[in-house]
Protein backbone atom coordinates (compact mmCIF):
# COMPACT_ATOMS: atom_id res chain seq x y z
CA MET A 1 61.25 -22.57 11.48
CA GLN A 2 58.27 -22.33 13.36
CA ILE A 3 56.61 -18.83 14.06
CA GLN A 4 53.72 -17.94 16.28
CA VAL A 5 51.41 -15.31 16.63
CA GLU A 6 48.81 -14.25 18.77
CA GLY A 7 45.93 -12.09 18.85
CA ASN A 8 42.06 -12.50 17.77
CA ILE A 9 41.27 -15.14 15.51
CA VAL A 10 39.19 -13.59 12.46
CA ASP A 11 37.12 -16.63 10.65
CA LEU A 12 35.77 -16.31 7.51
CA GLN A 13 34.80 -19.92 6.79
CA THR A 14 32.82 -19.97 10.46
CA GLU A 15 32.58 -16.07 11.08
CA LYS A 16 33.65 -16.58 14.36
CA ILE A 17 35.91 -14.25 16.26
CA TYR A 18 38.14 -15.85 19.32
CA LYS A 19 41.30 -15.52 20.96
CA GLY A 20 43.97 -17.60 19.47
CA GLN A 21 47.87 -18.72 18.42
CA VAL A 22 48.60 -19.07 14.60
CA VAL A 23 51.41 -21.69 14.10
CA VAL A 24 52.89 -21.64 11.04
CA GLU A 25 56.10 -23.94 9.61
CA ASN A 26 57.87 -23.94 6.46
CA GLY A 27 55.27 -20.79 5.04
CA ARG A 28 52.02 -22.97 5.76
CA ILE A 29 49.98 -22.98 8.24
CA VAL A 30 50.25 -25.91 10.72
CA GLN A 31 48.08 -25.00 13.76
CA ILE A 32 45.18 -22.28 14.91
CA ILE A 33 44.67 -22.72 18.83
CA SER A 34 42.28 -21.33 20.59
CA LEU A 35 42.52 -19.72 23.64
CA GLY A 36 39.33 -18.20 24.66
CA GLU A 37 37.30 -15.11 23.95
CA GLU A 38 37.61 -12.45 21.75
CA GLU A 39 39.40 -9.59 23.86
CA THR A 40 39.23 -6.46 22.32
CA ASN A 41 42.39 -4.82 23.50
CA LEU A 42 44.44 -7.69 21.15
CA PRO A 43 45.34 -6.95 17.31
CA TYR A 44 43.32 -9.47 14.80
CA ILE A 45 44.83 -11.70 12.74
CA MET A 46 42.70 -12.21 9.66
CA ALA A 47 43.00 -13.45 5.88
CA GLY A 48 44.66 -11.03 3.59
CA PHE A 49 43.06 -8.36 1.26
CA ILE A 50 42.65 -9.22 -2.32
CA ASP A 51 42.47 -6.57 -5.36
CA SER A 52 39.65 -8.45 -7.08
CA HIS A 53 40.69 -6.25 -10.43
CA VAL A 54 43.47 -4.37 -11.53
CA HIS A 55 45.95 -3.14 -13.82
CA ILE A 56 49.35 -3.04 -11.88
CA GLU A 57 50.70 -0.71 -15.19
CA SER A 58 48.75 2.29 -14.45
CA SER A 59 50.18 2.40 -10.79
CA MET A 60 52.84 2.90 -13.30
CA LEU A 61 55.31 0.47 -11.55
CA ILE A 62 55.87 -2.83 -12.29
CA PRO A 63 54.70 -5.77 -10.36
CA SER A 64 57.45 -5.98 -7.97
CA GLU A 65 57.43 -2.22 -6.87
CA PHE A 66 53.33 -2.09 -6.80
CA ALA A 67 53.74 -5.28 -4.47
CA ARG A 68 56.15 -3.51 -1.91
CA LEU A 69 53.75 -0.95 -1.92
CA ALA A 70 50.62 -3.01 -1.38
CA VAL A 71 51.69 -5.29 1.46
CA VAL A 72 52.17 -2.46 3.59
CA HIS A 73 48.10 -2.34 3.57
CA GLY A 74 47.93 -5.44 4.03
CA THR A 75 47.00 -6.50 0.26
CA VAL A 76 48.31 -9.97 -0.27
CA GLY A 77 47.21 -10.75 -3.81
CA SER A 78 45.93 -9.44 -7.05
CA ILE A 79 43.92 -10.49 -10.04
CA SER A 80 46.01 -8.61 -12.63
CA ASP A 81 45.32 -7.49 -16.25
CA PRO A 82 47.59 -6.87 -18.01
CA HIS A 83 46.06 -5.91 -21.55
CA GLU A 84 47.69 -2.46 -20.65
CA ILE A 85 51.16 -3.97 -21.68
CA ALA A 86 49.48 -6.25 -23.67
CA ASN A 87 48.49 -3.51 -26.03
CA VAL A 88 51.89 -2.46 -26.32
CA CYS A 89 54.27 -5.59 -26.83
CA GLY A 90 51.65 -8.53 -26.85
CA ILE A 91 52.35 -11.95 -25.32
CA GLU A 92 55.78 -11.00 -24.35
CA GLY A 93 54.59 -8.27 -22.47
CA VAL A 94 52.02 -10.60 -20.47
CA HIS A 95 55.31 -12.81 -19.66
CA TYR A 96 57.35 -9.75 -18.37
CA MET A 97 54.63 -9.22 -15.41
CA ILE A 98 53.91 -12.86 -14.76
CA GLU A 99 57.77 -12.88 -14.57
CA ASN A 100 58.77 -9.74 -12.89
CA SER A 101 56.04 -10.63 -10.22
CA LYS A 102 57.68 -13.67 -9.11
CA THR A 103 61.32 -11.97 -7.99
CA VAL A 104 59.23 -10.88 -4.74
CA PRO A 105 56.62 -12.65 -2.27
CA PHE A 106 53.24 -11.37 -3.37
CA LYS A 107 50.69 -13.65 -4.74
CA ALA A 108 49.81 -11.80 -8.25
CA THR A 109 47.48 -13.59 -9.92
CA PHE A 110 46.86 -12.87 -14.32
CA GLY A 111 44.51 -12.90 -16.81
CA ALA A 112 44.87 -13.82 -20.41
CA PRO A 113 43.07 -10.42 -22.58
CA SER A 114 40.79 -10.72 -24.18
CA CYS A 115 40.67 -7.95 -26.70
CA VAL A 116 44.12 -7.23 -27.75
CA PRO A 117 43.62 -4.44 -29.53
CA ALA A 118 40.23 -3.47 -27.81
CA THR A 119 38.52 -2.27 -31.21
CA VAL A 120 40.11 -2.19 -34.59
CA PHE A 121 39.45 1.72 -34.34
CA GLU A 122 42.55 2.57 -33.24
CA THR A 123 46.42 1.85 -33.41
CA ALA A 124 47.93 -0.40 -30.97
CA GLY A 125 51.04 -2.02 -30.83
CA ALA A 126 49.98 -5.47 -30.35
CA ALA A 127 47.33 -8.11 -31.28
CA ILE A 128 46.68 -11.28 -29.22
CA ASP A 129 44.37 -13.59 -31.25
CA CYS A 130 43.03 -17.08 -30.37
CA ASP A 131 45.94 -19.18 -30.44
CA GLY A 132 47.65 -16.58 -28.02
CA VAL A 133 44.84 -16.39 -25.57
CA GLU A 134 45.28 -20.30 -25.67
CA SER A 135 48.89 -20.43 -25.06
CA LEU A 136 48.59 -18.13 -21.74
CA LEU A 137 45.45 -19.84 -20.68
CA GLN A 138 47.59 -22.53 -20.30
CA ARG A 139 50.20 -21.31 -17.84
CA ASN A 140 49.45 -21.96 -14.47
CA GLU A 141 49.60 -18.15 -13.32
CA ILE A 142 47.33 -17.46 -15.78
CA LYS A 143 43.91 -17.99 -13.84
CA TYR A 144 40.84 -16.44 -16.16
CA LEU A 145 40.45 -14.86 -19.04
CA SER A 146 40.48 -11.13 -18.74
CA GLU A 147 37.43 -8.57 -19.18
CA MET A 148 35.65 -9.09 -21.88
CA MET A 149 35.63 -5.57 -23.73
CA ASN A 150 33.80 -6.31 -26.62
CA PHE A 151 30.47 -6.87 -25.51
CA PRO A 152 28.83 -6.09 -28.50
CA GLY A 153 31.13 -8.76 -29.90
CA VAL A 154 29.17 -11.44 -27.39
CA LEU A 155 25.56 -10.31 -27.97
CA ASN A 156 26.32 -10.34 -31.81
CA GLY A 157 27.96 -13.75 -31.30
CA ASP A 158 31.29 -12.60 -32.80
CA GLU A 159 33.23 -15.91 -34.06
CA GLU A 160 36.51 -15.02 -32.66
CA VAL A 161 34.86 -13.74 -29.67
CA MET A 162 32.94 -16.60 -28.71
CA ARG A 163 36.34 -18.72 -29.80
CA LYS A 164 38.33 -17.03 -26.86
CA ILE A 165 34.95 -17.35 -24.58
CA ALA A 166 35.21 -21.25 -25.59
CA LEU A 167 38.82 -21.61 -24.88
CA ALA A 168 38.39 -20.01 -20.82
CA LYS A 169 35.85 -22.72 -20.19
CA LYS A 170 37.74 -25.29 -21.81
CA PHE A 171 40.56 -24.56 -19.22
CA GLY A 172 37.92 -24.25 -16.33
CA LYS A 173 39.03 -20.66 -15.75
CA PRO A 174 36.46 -17.65 -15.07
CA ILE A 175 36.06 -15.43 -17.45
CA ASP A 176 35.78 -11.35 -16.43
CA GLY A 177 33.40 -9.00 -17.91
CA HIS A 178 33.03 -5.24 -18.89
CA ALA A 179 29.47 -3.78 -19.74
CA PRO A 180 29.41 -0.20 -19.01
CA GLY A 181 25.28 0.34 -18.68
CA LEU A 182 24.33 -3.28 -20.14
CA LYS A 183 20.82 -3.88 -18.71
CA GLY A 184 17.65 -6.28 -19.03
CA GLU A 185 17.47 -9.08 -21.70
CA LEU A 186 20.87 -7.96 -23.34
CA ALA A 187 22.78 -7.86 -20.13
CA LYS A 188 20.92 -11.28 -19.80
CA LYS A 189 22.42 -12.76 -23.11
CA TYR A 190 25.77 -11.02 -22.22
CA ILE A 191 26.37 -13.29 -18.89
CA SER A 192 24.75 -16.41 -19.78
CA ALA A 193 27.40 -16.44 -22.67
CA GLY A 194 29.81 -17.69 -19.18
CA ILE A 195 30.81 -14.08 -18.11
CA SER A 196 30.98 -13.89 -14.50
CA THR A 197 31.97 -10.50 -13.26
CA ASP A 198 31.76 -6.77 -14.21
CA HIS A 199 33.30 -3.82 -12.49
CA GLU A 200 31.90 -1.19 -14.58
CA CYS A 201 28.74 -0.74 -13.57
CA PHE A 202 28.08 2.58 -11.93
CA THR A 203 24.65 2.88 -10.76
CA ALA A 204 22.72 0.45 -8.08
CA GLU A 205 20.31 -0.08 -10.64
CA GLU A 206 22.19 -1.36 -13.31
CA ALA A 207 24.82 -3.81 -10.51
CA LEU A 208 21.27 -5.47 -9.06
CA ASP A 209 20.13 -6.26 -12.54
CA LYS A 210 23.33 -8.03 -13.33
CA LEU A 211 22.87 -9.64 -9.64
CA ARG A 212 19.90 -10.92 -10.70
CA TYR A 213 21.20 -12.80 -13.35
CA GLY A 214 23.87 -14.31 -11.53
CA MET A 215 26.92 -12.02 -12.55
CA LYS A 216 28.91 -11.07 -9.28
CA ILE A 217 29.49 -6.98 -9.12
CA LEU A 218 32.82 -5.75 -7.98
CA ILE A 219 32.80 -2.32 -6.24
CA ARG A 220 35.32 -0.45 -7.90
CA GLU A 221 37.06 2.68 -6.42
CA GLY A 222 40.07 3.53 -8.11
CA SER A 223 41.84 7.02 -8.99
CA ALA A 224 39.71 7.90 -11.98
CA ALA A 225 36.43 5.57 -11.59
CA LYS A 226 34.99 5.39 -8.25
CA ASN A 227 31.69 3.32 -7.50
CA PHE A 228 32.27 2.76 -4.35
CA GLU A 229 29.27 5.46 -2.83
CA ALA A 230 26.90 4.05 -5.68
CA LEU A 231 26.94 0.40 -4.95
CA ILE A 232 27.69 -0.26 -1.33
CA GLU A 233 24.82 -0.82 0.11
CA LEU A 234 24.01 -3.96 -2.23
CA MET A 235 26.69 -5.38 0.23
CA ASN A 236 23.75 -6.02 3.03
CA GLU A 237 21.99 -8.48 0.17
CA HIS A 238 24.50 -9.56 -2.30
CA ALA A 239 27.41 -10.20 0.30
CA ASP A 240 28.23 -13.21 -1.16
CA MET A 241 28.39 -11.78 -4.97
CA MET A 242 30.21 -9.06 -4.29
CA MET A 243 34.21 -8.07 -4.18
CA PHE A 244 36.43 -4.76 -3.70
CA CYS A 245 38.59 -3.71 -6.60
CA SER A 246 40.83 -0.73 -7.63
CA ASP A 247 41.06 -1.08 -11.78
CA ASP A 248 43.15 1.71 -12.00
CA LYS A 249 45.29 2.89 -9.25
CA HIS A 250 48.01 5.52 -9.69
CA PRO A 251 51.20 5.49 -7.32
CA ASP A 252 50.13 8.77 -4.99
CA SER A 253 47.15 6.69 -3.88
CA LEU A 254 48.72 3.71 -3.51
CA ALA A 255 51.29 4.95 -1.18
CA VAL A 256 48.48 6.18 1.02
CA GLY A 257 45.81 3.20 1.26
CA HIS A 258 44.32 0.03 -0.69
CA ILE A 259 41.47 -2.55 -0.05
CA ASN A 260 41.63 -1.68 3.40
CA ARG A 261 40.15 1.51 2.81
CA LEU A 262 36.90 0.15 1.33
CA CYS A 263 37.13 -1.77 3.90
CA ALA A 264 36.90 0.62 6.74
CA ARG A 265 34.56 2.62 4.69
CA ALA A 266 32.51 -0.04 4.28
CA VAL A 267 32.24 -0.49 8.46
CA LYS A 268 31.35 2.89 8.52
CA LYS A 269 28.11 2.37 6.79
CA ASN A 270 26.98 -0.56 9.32
CA ILE A 271 27.86 -3.10 6.65
CA ASP A 272 28.13 -6.20 8.87
CA VAL A 273 32.24 -6.79 9.06
CA PHE A 274 32.21 -10.49 7.77
CA LYS A 275 30.39 -9.28 4.87
CA VAL A 276 32.78 -6.53 4.04
CA LEU A 277 35.01 -9.27 4.68
CA LYS A 278 34.04 -11.88 2.54
CA ALA A 279 34.05 -8.99 -0.63
CA ALA A 280 37.69 -8.17 0.53
CA CYS A 281 39.15 -11.78 1.06
CA LEU A 282 37.66 -14.04 0.63
CA ASN A 283 35.48 -14.26 -2.43
CA PRO A 284 38.18 -12.90 -4.66
CA VAL A 285 40.25 -16.33 -3.50
CA LYS A 286 37.29 -18.56 -4.42
CA HIS A 287 36.11 -17.17 -7.75
CA TYR A 288 40.01 -17.10 -9.39
CA ASN A 289 41.06 -20.10 -7.45
CA MET A 290 43.81 -18.43 -5.85
CA ASP A 291 46.83 -20.04 -4.36
CA VAL A 292 46.18 -17.71 -1.32
CA GLY A 293 45.52 -19.02 2.01
CA LEU A 294 42.58 -17.84 4.08
CA LEU A 295 43.58 -18.52 7.34
CA GLN A 296 42.91 -22.24 7.80
CA ARG A 297 44.99 -25.10 8.75
CA GLY A 298 47.14 -26.23 5.92
CA ASP A 299 47.03 -22.80 4.20
CA HIS A 300 49.64 -20.93 2.77
CA ALA A 301 50.37 -18.70 5.71
CA ASP A 302 49.17 -15.14 3.78
CA PHE A 303 47.50 -13.31 6.60
CA ILE A 304 47.82 -9.75 8.58
CA ILE A 305 47.31 -8.70 11.42
CA VAL A 306 44.98 -5.67 12.07
CA GLU A 307 44.67 -2.99 14.91
CA ASP A 308 41.04 -3.23 15.23
CA LEU A 309 37.79 -3.83 12.68
CA LYS A 310 36.74 -0.64 12.02
CA GLU A 311 39.77 1.32 10.37
CA PHE A 312 42.06 -1.84 9.27
CA ASN A 313 45.07 0.07 10.05
CA VAL A 314 47.88 -2.97 9.17
CA LEU A 315 50.21 -3.84 11.75
CA GLN A 316 51.88 -7.09 9.75
CA THR A 317 51.32 -8.74 6.73
CA TYR A 318 52.86 -12.07 5.92
CA ILE A 319 53.07 -14.05 3.04
CA ASN A 320 54.17 -17.80 2.76
CA GLY A 321 55.15 -17.20 6.53
CA LYS A 322 57.38 -14.31 5.44
CA LEU A 323 57.05 -10.92 7.07
CA VAL A 324 56.77 -8.64 4.20
CA ALA A 325 55.20 -5.34 5.94
CA GLU A 326 55.48 -4.05 9.60
CA LYS A 327 54.07 -1.05 11.00
CA GLY A 328 53.95 1.11 7.54
CA LYS A 329 56.91 -0.08 6.19
CA THR A 330 57.89 -2.20 3.35
CA LEU A 331 60.08 -5.11 4.27
CA ILE A 332 60.65 -6.57 0.45
CA GLU A 333 63.61 -4.88 -1.03
CA SER A 334 63.63 -3.16 -4.51
CA VAL A 335 64.62 -5.85 -7.17
CA PRO A 336 66.79 -5.19 -10.58
CA SER A 337 64.45 -5.03 -13.46
CA SER A 338 64.98 -5.20 -17.32
CA ILE A 339 62.81 -3.18 -19.85
CA ILE A 340 60.74 -4.18 -22.80
CA ASN A 341 58.72 -1.40 -24.82
CA HIS A 342 57.45 -0.49 -28.70
CA PHE A 343 57.56 3.74 -29.57
CA ASN A 344 58.09 4.63 -32.85
CA CYS A 345 57.71 7.84 -33.70
CA HIS A 346 59.73 10.95 -33.82
CA LYS A 347 59.09 14.77 -32.72
CA LYS A 348 56.35 16.80 -33.55
CA GLU A 349 55.99 20.23 -35.41
CA ILE A 350 54.26 23.10 -33.66
CA ALA A 351 51.72 23.65 -37.06
CA GLU A 352 50.72 19.68 -36.61
CA PHE A 353 48.35 20.29 -33.90
CA SER A 354 46.82 23.64 -35.02
CA ILE A 355 42.83 22.58 -36.39
CA PRO A 356 41.68 24.76 -39.73
CA TYR A 357 38.52 26.88 -38.91
CA LYS A 358 36.08 26.06 -41.70
CA ASN A 359 33.14 28.50 -41.19
CA GLU A 360 31.39 25.70 -38.35
CA ALA A 361 28.67 26.87 -36.16
CA LEU A 362 29.02 24.41 -33.80
CA ILE A 363 32.17 20.99 -33.38
CA PRO A 364 31.43 18.22 -30.71
CA VAL A 365 33.45 18.26 -27.98
CA ILE A 366 34.21 15.66 -24.82
CA GLU A 367 32.48 16.30 -21.46
CA ALA A 368 34.96 15.06 -18.88
CA LEU A 369 33.35 13.89 -15.90
CA ASP A 370 35.41 13.87 -12.71
CA GLY A 371 35.62 10.37 -10.94
CA GLN A 372 34.13 8.59 -14.00
CA LEU A 373 35.44 6.65 -17.26
CA ILE A 374 32.32 7.85 -19.14
CA THR A 375 32.19 11.29 -20.71
CA ASN A 376 29.56 13.33 -22.30
CA LYS A 377 28.95 14.77 -25.93
CA LEU A 378 28.45 17.99 -26.72
CA LEU A 379 28.12 20.35 -29.50
CA LEU A 380 29.43 23.86 -28.46
CA GLU A 381 30.23 26.64 -30.85
CA PRO A 382 34.08 27.10 -31.33
CA LYS A 383 36.35 29.60 -30.51
CA TYR A 384 38.64 30.79 -33.35
CA SER A 385 41.98 32.75 -33.80
CA GLY A 386 42.46 33.68 -37.90
CA ASN A 387 41.79 30.82 -39.88
CA CYS A 388 42.52 28.14 -37.04
CA ILE A 389 39.87 26.81 -34.27
CA VAL A 390 41.92 27.61 -30.58
CA SER A 391 41.36 26.69 -26.82
CA ASP A 392 38.61 28.65 -25.21
CA THR A 393 40.28 28.37 -21.16
CA GLU A 394 37.16 31.33 -20.45
CA ARG A 395 34.19 28.26 -21.47
CA ASP A 396 36.85 25.85 -20.24
CA ILE A 397 37.27 24.02 -23.56
CA ILE A 398 40.68 23.44 -24.83
CA LYS A 399 42.37 20.69 -27.34
CA ILE A 400 42.89 17.47 -27.22
CA VAL A 401 45.25 15.45 -29.16
CA VAL A 402 46.18 11.46 -29.78
CA VAL A 403 49.08 10.75 -31.49
CA ASN A 404 50.33 7.41 -33.06
CA ARG A 405 53.23 6.31 -31.05
CA TYR A 406 53.65 2.70 -33.17
CA GLN A 407 54.49 4.81 -36.21
CA GLU A 408 54.54 8.10 -38.16
CA ALA A 409 50.71 9.26 -38.47
CA PRO A 410 48.48 12.50 -38.90
CA ILE A 411 47.60 13.86 -34.93
CA ALA A 412 44.11 13.58 -33.84
CA LEU A 413 43.13 16.68 -33.24
CA SER A 414 39.27 17.30 -30.84
CA PHE A 415 38.26 19.29 -27.89
CA ILE A 416 37.31 18.39 -24.25
CA LYS A 417 35.64 20.56 -21.50
CA ASN A 418 35.78 19.92 -17.85
CA THR A 419 39.92 19.96 -17.44
CA GLY A 420 39.55 23.29 -15.80
CA LEU A 421 42.85 23.81 -17.49
CA LYS A 422 43.67 27.77 -17.72
CA LYS A 423 47.33 27.85 -19.21
CA GLY A 424 49.85 25.06 -19.94
CA ALA A 425 49.53 21.22 -20.86
CA LEU A 426 49.61 17.83 -20.12
CA ALA A 427 50.37 14.29 -21.96
CA SER A 428 50.86 10.79 -21.02
CA SER A 429 51.70 7.86 -22.93
CA VAL A 430 49.62 5.79 -20.40
CA ALA A 431 46.16 6.39 -22.38
CA HIS A 432 43.85 3.31 -22.44
CA ASP A 433 43.61 0.93 -23.94
CA SER A 434 46.31 1.29 -26.49
CA HIS A 435 48.59 3.90 -25.27
CA ASN A 436 49.33 6.21 -27.77
CA ILE A 437 50.36 9.76 -26.47
CA VAL A 438 47.25 11.70 -25.52
CA ALA A 439 47.58 15.34 -24.38
CA VAL A 440 45.27 18.43 -23.61
CA GLY A 441 46.62 22.24 -23.95
CA CYS A 442 45.83 25.48 -23.81
CA THR A 443 48.22 26.27 -26.74
CA ASP A 444 50.05 24.54 -29.74
CA GLU A 445 53.44 25.22 -28.56
CA GLU A 446 52.42 24.06 -25.62
CA ILE A 447 51.15 20.54 -26.56
CA ALA A 448 54.25 20.04 -28.57
CA LEU A 449 56.18 20.78 -25.74
CA ALA A 450 54.69 18.38 -23.82
CA VAL A 451 54.19 15.94 -26.10
CA ASN A 452 57.70 16.38 -28.01
CA ALA A 453 59.18 15.53 -24.19
CA ILE A 454 57.10 12.23 -24.12
CA ILE A 455 58.44 10.95 -27.11
CA GLU A 456 62.34 11.59 -26.27
CA ALA A 457 62.23 10.12 -23.17
CA LYS A 458 60.33 6.85 -25.22
CA GLY A 459 57.01 7.11 -22.36
CA GLY A 460 55.94 9.07 -19.63
CA ILE A 461 53.91 11.80 -17.98
CA SER A 462 54.51 15.48 -18.68
CA ALA A 463 53.41 18.52 -17.42
CA VAL A 464 54.24 22.07 -19.23
CA ASN A 465 54.20 26.05 -18.67
CA GLN A 466 55.62 28.38 -21.45
CA ASN A 467 58.91 26.22 -21.72
CA GLU A 468 58.92 24.73 -18.19
CA VAL A 469 58.58 21.21 -18.66
CA HIS A 470 58.10 18.23 -15.84
CA LEU A 471 58.66 15.04 -16.73
CA LEU A 472 58.28 11.35 -15.16
CA PRO A 473 59.86 8.80 -17.68
CA LEU A 474 58.16 5.50 -18.19
CA PRO A 475 60.30 3.16 -19.68
CA VAL A 476 58.53 0.27 -19.02
CA ALA A 477 56.07 0.28 -22.41
CA GLY A 478 56.00 3.93 -22.18
CA LEU A 479 53.66 2.78 -18.97
CA MET A 480 55.81 1.77 -15.99
CA SER A 481 58.94 2.68 -14.14
CA THR A 482 61.61 0.76 -12.59
CA ASP A 483 62.65 2.61 -9.93
CA ASN A 484 61.86 2.55 -6.14
CA GLY A 485 57.58 3.03 -6.13
CA TYR A 486 57.95 5.96 -3.06
CA ALA A 487 60.08 7.62 -5.23
CA VAL A 488 57.20 7.14 -8.15
CA ALA A 489 54.67 8.24 -6.16
CA GLU A 490 56.92 11.43 -4.69
CA ALA A 491 57.66 12.34 -8.72
CA TYR A 492 53.90 11.02 -9.79
CA THR A 493 52.65 13.83 -6.45
CA HIS A 494 54.63 17.18 -7.32
CA LEU A 495 53.23 16.05 -11.26
CA ASP A 496 49.61 16.27 -10.17
CA LYS A 497 50.02 19.10 -8.05
CA PHE A 498 51.78 21.40 -10.74
CA SER A 499 48.97 20.76 -13.05
CA LYS A 500 46.41 21.53 -10.07
CA ASN A 501 47.78 24.12 -8.38
CA GLU A 502 50.19 26.02 -11.61
CA LEU A 503 48.24 25.34 -14.53
CA GLY A 504 44.58 25.18 -12.93
CA SER A 505 43.38 22.10 -13.45
CA THR A 506 40.08 21.24 -10.79
CA LEU A 507 40.46 17.54 -11.52
CA GLU A 508 40.71 15.39 -9.07
CA SER A 509 43.37 13.17 -10.60
CA PRO A 510 43.93 15.12 -14.09
CA PHE A 511 46.66 12.32 -15.29
CA MET A 512 44.10 9.46 -14.63
CA THR A 513 41.24 11.26 -16.08
CA LEU A 514 43.41 11.92 -19.26
CA SER A 515 44.36 8.47 -20.28
CA PHE A 516 41.13 7.63 -20.45
CA MET A 517 39.99 10.06 -22.66
CA ALA A 518 41.14 7.63 -25.72
CA LEU A 519 39.11 4.87 -24.36
CA LEU A 520 37.20 4.18 -26.85
CA VAL A 521 34.88 0.72 -25.09
CA ILE A 522 33.63 3.59 -22.78
CA PRO A 523 30.66 5.71 -24.13
CA HIS A 524 30.16 8.07 -25.25
CA LEU A 525 32.83 10.37 -26.85
CA LYS A 526 36.08 9.50 -27.48
CA LEU A 527 39.15 10.54 -29.42
CA SER A 528 41.92 7.89 -30.89
CA ASP A 529 44.52 8.01 -33.15
CA LYS A 530 42.57 7.96 -35.50
CA GLY A 531 39.59 9.94 -34.73
CA LEU A 532 36.70 11.19 -32.91
CA PHE A 533 34.85 8.11 -31.84
CA ASP A 534 31.05 7.76 -31.18
CA GLY A 535 30.94 5.08 -28.56
CA ASP A 536 27.64 4.83 -28.31
CA ARG A 537 27.06 3.99 -32.36
CA PHE A 538 30.54 2.39 -32.50
CA GLU A 539 31.82 4.73 -35.29
CA PHE A 540 33.86 7.61 -35.84
CA VAL A 541 32.40 11.22 -36.19
CA THR A 542 32.43 12.30 -39.43
């Protein structure tokens, strides 16, 4: 079957735009015919967008449903790190993601998780050692070693860490980085180990430092961490070394837009369109050796048609010559999926969430920062009632807890500032990276109710106001739903609005921010299921 499409051809290899026709046969481009000069009244045919670093699990959708939503925005592929499900289900979880992604036309590329568990200071559901990493790297679908979060291990020459890096080099596959705040000689040492990318830069100074040492920088704009404004101007001089990514993107956000939105914002800042599209389309395919076409003769017919090169409104998306989205509608059908999980704890009693008052003058408090994964560590005067320390909604300091979901264990308890919560509680079994249950709340009764709703469902996110409970079940590893992606997005939107409008949260994405409060590898103060953790000293707070 032959397909012919006409419009303005955007050739990223020659950096030229001209009127032309693309001819497709058997899923490949067999001819590109020039028909003259660019005509601005015609749509533009261009290579599809790539999300250069994403944890699909964070969309709360299985890969096949993620694809259904992403193609609407012109995304034809992703560089997907499956370490979220790997922390819950191990190698079996990685295989699950790969096999499910194959059920739909979408170019999902996966990495071998390098840090499962992320640290020894928390309880994960599984571990992947060097032998496991090697077995994964042998699969054709595994194109890289996923983000090396253990940057202290790299700097100190940890034997296990260095062996994993050596395995990636052995198979000729790139190594993703994760080194927030690392600069100077330490950054140089980390990069010289063979680590090629970083998506954790939150200042231009840090990104420029890493660029000088030959590291590629990913501009991240997700549902929680937003670094576009801080880094985008670097693209003027370093377009060959930059890409766009979302890292973590919740379903409501994915339903609205994806990498196309970042391209529109970049062009509005007067950055040359070819530099923008290099980062959005070309660089990821080249860096990760993706099986994705770039609108060249002989390529897979993976391309999109957009209205213009300013707003990047997507009219059509083609993958392997198949039309998969048109005018805002996905043409990919939902497919049935199996469920895997690892959940083994019982409901909790209210008394388990109390914190005895021991005449402390000051207590350590996590300060959440909206739009960032990093947190601050504060020492603040506690509020107490009777013989217990309690939430102080007037000062925006409320209780935060982490419950071990893999085995029965004491609950980790602390306090957090800047959620804005005035009443009720929020809980989630999406809690990077080990995905124990994390919850915040104004009363122990409501925290217990929110946590127990998730335990009963064996995974999900919940919001509670007194006895009113709202729940989005996530049966796949406690991270993802098998339901229609748009239905999940709608359910998530309801919970998000409830947490803001009814409970008072002032965070842009309350559940996304909550999910990172147990992420120990991001400074400065976090809470694991084993206790309060200082990310700078890499030790528990006594």
